[in-house]
Amino acid sequence: MASLRIPALTAPGSYWQASRAPRYSLLFALPLLVFYQVLALLLAHGPRSVRNGADVILQSLFVAVAGAWGPTLFMVCLIGVGLWLVARDIRAHGGRLRARIFAGMLAESLLLGLVFGLVVSGVTTGVLGLLQTLALPPDRQLDWWTRLMVSLGAGIYEELLFRVVLVGALAALARALGWRAVPAGVAATVMGAAIFSAFHYLGPYGDRLQVYSFVFRMVAGLFFSGLYLARGFGITAWTHALYDVSLLLLH
C-alpha cells in the first residue's frame, strides 16, 4: 500500500518543511539565546548571579578543557556552528528568507505553549489518577527577573542538552549496540525524559522531589522530544520557554 502524502506538509517549500530547516529553526531560536545572555550578564553580580542549570552543564564541559576560557569557547562554538548550519542551508535554498515563516513559527509556538500545560497535566493526572495543580510553584528564593532569565534559558539550553545532545547520544549508543532504529529512538526518548525530569531536583535551587512533579516533567520531556522530532529545534525551544514564562506571569 502506498504511503499517504499530504502535499501541503511534504512540499520542500511548504511552511511545515521550511520551519524545520536550520535557516529558519536556528535563526528563530537566536533571540531566545540573546535575551537569556543579556539578562544573565545584567544579573551576573551578587545573589542574582544564577544561570540555567543546563547552561552550566554544557559550559562545564568546555571549562574542563579550556579552563577560564571555557565559557567564551562554548559561546563561540555554539554561535559559530549555528551560523555555519544556517549559512549552508541558505546557500542550498537560494538565499531568500520569508518573514511569514517566522511569523507562523511564533504563532505556532504561542499556541503550543498555551495548550502544552493542559495536555501534559491531563496525561499526568491520568497516569497517577490524581488531580493536582497544573502550575508548579516558582522558587521563591529567586527574584522575578532571575526567574525570567532561567525560563528563557530553559528553552535554549535544556532543549539543546536534553533533546539534541542527550537523546541523540542515547539513540546513537543504542544503535551502536545493535538496536534497530525505532526501538533505539523510543528507548533514548524515554530515558532522556527521565533524566530531564530528575535534573530539576538537583543543586541548591532544585525543587523538592514529589511523585506528581516528577511524572509531570517526565511526560513533558516525552512531549518536547516528540515536538523536537516533528517540528525542529526552534519551535520546541520557544514552546518550552513560553510555557515557563507563562507560569512566571501567572504567579
Protein backbone atom coordinates (compact mmCIF):
# COMPACT_ATOMS: atom_id res chain seq x y z
CA MET A 1 0.00 0.00 0.00
CA ALA A 2 1.40 3.41 -0.95
CA SER A 3 2.17 5.77 1.93
CA LEU A 4 -0.14 8.71 2.43
CA ARG A 5 1.43 12.01 1.40
CA ILE A 6 -0.10 15.42 2.03
CA PRO A 7 1.41 17.93 -0.45
CA ALA A 8 0.92 20.92 1.86
CA LEU A 9 3.01 19.17 4.54
CA THR A 10 5.64 17.45 2.41
CA ALA A 11 6.39 20.04 -0.29
CA PRO A 12 10.00 21.29 0.08
CA GLY A 13 8.95 24.94 0.20
CA SER A 14 5.95 24.48 2.49
CA TYR A 15 5.76 26.14 5.90
CA TRP A 16 5.91 22.76 7.65
CA GLN A 17 9.13 21.78 5.92
CA ALA A 18 10.80 25.20 5.87
CA SER A 19 10.18 25.87 9.57
CA ARG A 20 12.17 22.74 10.47
CA ALA A 21 15.15 23.75 8.34
CA PRO A 22 18.24 25.27 10.04
CA ARG A 23 17.87 28.61 8.21
CA TYR A 24 14.55 29.17 9.99
CA SER A 25 14.76 26.95 13.08
CA LEU A 26 18.13 28.19 14.33
CA LEU A 27 17.56 31.85 13.43
CA PHE A 28 14.19 31.67 15.18
CA ALA A 29 15.90 30.39 18.34
CA LEU A 30 18.58 33.11 18.24
CA PRO A 31 16.53 35.83 20.04
CA LEU A 32 16.00 33.44 22.98
CA LEU A 33 19.75 32.99 23.25
CA VAL A 34 20.33 36.77 23.07
CA PHE A 35 17.63 37.59 25.65
CA TYR A 36 18.96 34.98 28.03
CA GLN A 37 22.59 36.04 27.70
CA VAL A 38 21.74 39.75 28.12
CA LEU A 39 19.75 39.05 31.29
CA ALA A 40 22.47 36.71 32.59
CA LEU A 41 25.06 39.47 32.04
CA LEU A 42 22.93 42.12 33.76
CA LEU A 43 22.24 39.80 36.72
CA ALA A 44 25.79 38.47 36.96
CA HIS A 45 26.62 40.07 40.31
CA GLY A 46 25.59 39.35 43.87
CA PRO A 47 22.85 36.90 44.92
CA ARG A 48 21.19 37.15 41.50
CA SER A 49 24.20 35.53 39.80
CA VAL A 50 22.33 32.38 38.75
CA ARG A 51 22.28 30.62 35.38
CA ASN A 52 20.13 27.90 33.91
CA GLY A 53 21.43 24.51 35.06
CA ALA A 54 21.64 23.06 31.54
CA ASP A 55 23.74 26.06 30.51
CA VAL A 56 26.10 25.39 33.43
CA ILE A 57 26.44 21.70 32.49
CA LEU A 58 27.22 22.48 28.85
CA GLN A 59 29.71 25.19 29.78
CA SER A 60 31.42 22.94 32.34
CA LEU A 61 32.44 20.54 29.57
CA PHE A 62 34.32 23.39 27.90
CA VAL A 63 35.72 24.66 31.21
CA ALA A 64 37.20 21.21 31.81
CA VAL A 65 39.10 21.55 28.53
CA ALA A 66 39.87 25.28 28.30
CA GLY A 67 39.75 26.46 31.91
CA ALA A 68 38.76 30.11 32.32
CA TRP A 69 38.31 30.43 28.56
CA GLY A 70 35.72 27.64 28.61
CA PRO A 71 32.55 29.81 28.68
CA THR A 72 33.87 32.00 25.87
CA LEU A 73 34.89 28.97 23.81
CA PHE A 74 31.47 27.43 24.40
CA MET A 75 29.65 30.53 23.16
CA VAL A 76 31.93 30.87 20.11
CA CYS A 77 31.36 27.21 19.20
CA LEU A 78 27.60 27.43 19.81
CA ILE A 79 27.12 30.54 17.68
CA GLY A 80 29.73 29.52 15.11
CA VAL A 81 28.26 26.09 14.44
CA GLY A 82 24.76 27.55 14.36
CA LEU A 83 25.67 30.24 11.85
CA TRP A 84 27.55 27.72 9.70
CA LEU A 85 24.46 25.48 9.56
CA VAL A 86 22.25 28.48 8.73
CA ALA A 87 24.61 29.74 6.00
CA ARG A 88 24.90 26.27 4.43
CA ASP A 89 21.11 25.88 4.42
CA ILE A 90 20.56 29.35 2.94
CA ARG A 91 23.04 28.63 0.12
CA ALA A 92 21.26 25.36 -0.61
CA HIS A 93 17.87 27.09 -0.89
CA GLY A 94 18.67 30.23 -2.84
CA GLY A 95 19.44 32.65 -0.02
CA ARG A 96 15.91 34.01 0.49
CA LEU A 97 14.15 34.09 3.87
CA ARG A 98 10.41 34.71 4.21
CA ALA A 99 9.10 36.78 7.12
CA ARG A 100 5.78 34.94 7.11
CA ILE A 101 7.57 31.70 8.04
CA PHE A 102 8.97 33.32 11.19
CA ALA A 103 5.55 34.83 11.96
CA GLY A 104 3.94 31.42 11.60
CA MET A 105 6.56 29.82 13.85
CA LEU A 106 5.91 32.41 16.56
CA ALA A 107 2.14 31.88 16.34
CA GLU A 108 2.61 28.11 16.44
CA SER A 109 4.91 28.34 19.47
CA LEU A 110 2.45 30.59 21.31
CA LEU A 111 -0.38 28.14 20.64
CA LEU A 112 1.69 25.12 21.66
CA GLY A 113 2.87 26.92 24.79
CA LEU A 114 -0.75 27.63 25.78
CA VAL A 115 -2.04 24.08 25.25
CA PHE A 116 1.09 22.30 26.48
CA GLY A 117 0.31 22.55 30.19
CA LEU A 118 -3.24 21.30 29.78
CA VAL A 119 -2.16 18.32 27.68
CA VAL A 120 0.76 17.28 29.89
CA SER A 121 -1.22 17.87 33.08
CA GLY A 122 -4.10 15.78 31.71
CA VAL A 123 -1.78 12.90 30.81
CA THR A 124 -0.05 13.11 34.19
CA THR A 125 -3.39 13.12 36.02
CA GLY A 126 -4.48 10.10 34.01
CA VAL A 127 -1.26 8.22 34.82
CA LEU A 128 -1.41 8.93 38.55
CA GLY A 129 -5.16 9.08 39.00
CA LEU A 130 -4.72 12.32 40.97
CA LEU A 131 -5.94 15.87 40.44
CA GLN A 132 -3.37 18.46 41.46
CA THR A 133 -2.45 21.95 40.38
CA LEU A 134 -1.02 22.40 36.89
CA ALA A 135 1.48 25.15 37.58
CA LEU A 136 4.41 24.18 39.77
CA PRO A 137 5.19 26.98 42.23
CA PRO A 138 8.21 29.11 41.33
CA ASP A 139 11.28 29.13 43.51
CA ARG A 140 10.75 31.94 45.99
CA GLN A 141 14.50 32.31 46.53
CA LEU A 142 14.88 33.94 43.12
CA ASP A 143 13.56 37.35 42.09
CA TRP A 144 11.28 37.86 39.08
CA TRP A 145 13.98 38.90 36.60
CA THR A 146 16.23 35.99 37.57
CA ARG A 147 13.37 33.53 37.11
CA LEU A 148 12.61 35.12 33.72
CA MET A 149 16.23 34.62 32.70
CA VAL A 150 16.19 30.98 33.85
CA SER A 151 12.89 30.40 31.99
CA LEU A 152 14.34 31.73 28.72
CA GLY A 153 17.46 29.66 29.26
CA ALA A 154 15.32 26.55 29.69
CA GLY A 155 14.06 26.94 26.15
CA ILE A 156 17.51 27.17 24.62
CA TYR A 157 19.81 25.14 26.83
CA GLU A 158 17.52 22.41 28.19
CA GLU A 159 16.34 21.60 24.68
CA LEU A 160 19.91 21.68 23.40
CA LEU A 161 21.19 19.47 26.22
CA PHE A 162 18.32 17.04 26.73
CA ARG A 163 16.85 16.75 23.24
CA VAL A 164 19.66 17.46 20.77
CA VAL A 165 22.65 16.14 22.74
CA LEU A 166 21.32 13.60 25.27
CA VAL A 167 18.55 11.89 23.29
CA GLY A 168 20.74 11.96 20.18
CA ALA A 169 23.67 10.39 22.06
CA LEU A 170 21.50 7.72 23.71
CA ALA A 171 19.95 6.79 20.37
CA ALA A 172 23.40 6.60 18.75
CA LEU A 173 24.67 4.40 21.61
CA ALA A 174 21.71 2.05 21.28
CA ARG A 175 22.27 1.82 17.53
CA ALA A 176 25.95 1.06 18.13
CA LEU A 177 24.89 -1.78 20.43
CA GLY A 178 22.87 -3.29 17.60
CA TRP A 179 19.37 -1.96 18.33
CA ARG A 180 17.03 -1.19 15.45
CA ALA A 181 16.27 2.45 14.72
CA VAL A 182 12.74 2.62 16.20
CA PRO A 183 13.47 0.77 19.50
CA ALA A 184 16.65 2.80 19.88
CA GLY A 185 14.76 6.06 19.40
CA VAL A 186 11.97 5.08 21.80
CA ALA A 187 14.40 3.93 24.50
CA ALA A 188 16.50 7.08 24.11
CA THR A 189 13.40 9.30 24.33
CA VAL A 190 12.07 7.60 27.50
CA MET A 191 15.44 7.53 29.22
CA GLY A 192 16.14 11.12 28.20
CA ALA A 193 12.75 12.21 29.60
CA ALA A 194 13.51 10.53 32.94
CA ILE A 195 16.91 12.23 33.14
CA PHE A 196 15.32 15.56 32.13
CA SER A 197 12.81 15.23 34.99
CA ALA A 198 15.45 14.22 37.57
CA PHE A 199 17.60 17.19 36.53
CA HIS A 200 15.07 19.61 38.09
CA TYR A 201 15.73 18.25 41.60
CA LEU A 202 19.50 18.68 41.60
CA GLY A 203 21.56 21.53 43.03
CA PRO A 204 20.82 24.28 45.56
CA TYR A 205 17.89 25.62 43.52
CA GLY A 206 16.39 22.22 42.76
CA ASP A 207 12.77 21.52 43.65
CA ARG A 208 11.65 19.17 46.40
CA LEU A 209 11.12 15.71 44.89
CA GLN A 210 7.44 14.79 44.53
CA VAL A 211 5.88 11.96 42.54
CA TYR A 212 3.46 14.24 40.69
CA SER A 213 6.05 16.81 39.66
CA PHE A 214 8.49 14.09 38.60
CA VAL A 215 5.88 12.38 36.40
CA PHE A 216 4.71 15.77 35.10
CA ARG A 217 8.21 16.66 33.97
CA MET A 218 8.86 13.21 32.54
CA VAL A 219 5.70 13.47 30.44
CA ALA A 220 6.86 16.97 29.47
CA GLY A 221 10.18 15.50 28.37
CA LEU A 222 8.36 12.99 26.16
CA PHE A 223 6.23 15.79 24.72
CA PHE A 224 9.23 18.02 23.96
CA SER A 225 11.11 15.12 22.39
CA GLY A 226 8.15 14.38 20.12
CA LEU A 227 7.81 18.06 19.30
CA TYR A 228 11.52 18.31 18.51
CA LEU A 229 11.33 15.35 16.13
CA ALA A 230 8.19 16.71 14.46
CA ARG A 231 8.82 20.46 14.39
CA GLY A 232 12.54 21.00 14.92
CA PHE A 233 14.66 22.83 17.48
CA GLY A 234 13.43 26.42 17.10
CA ILE A 235 9.73 25.84 17.72
CA THR A 236 10.48 23.40 20.56
CA ALA A 237 12.80 25.89 22.27
CA TRP A 238 10.24 28.72 22.01
CA THR A 239 7.37 26.49 23.18
CA HIS A 240 9.37 25.43 26.24
CA ALA A 241 10.41 29.00 27.04
CA LEU A 242 6.93 30.46 26.52
CA TYR A 243 5.37 27.82 28.75
CA ASP A 244 7.86 28.55 31.54
CA VAL A 245 7.32 32.29 31.13
CA SER A 246 3.55 31.80 31.27
CA LEU A 247 3.91 30.12 34.68
CA LEU A 248 6.06 33.04 35.81
CA LEU A 249 3.46 35.59 34.69
CA LEU A 250 0.65 33.67 36.41
CA HIS A 251 2.45 33.83 39.73
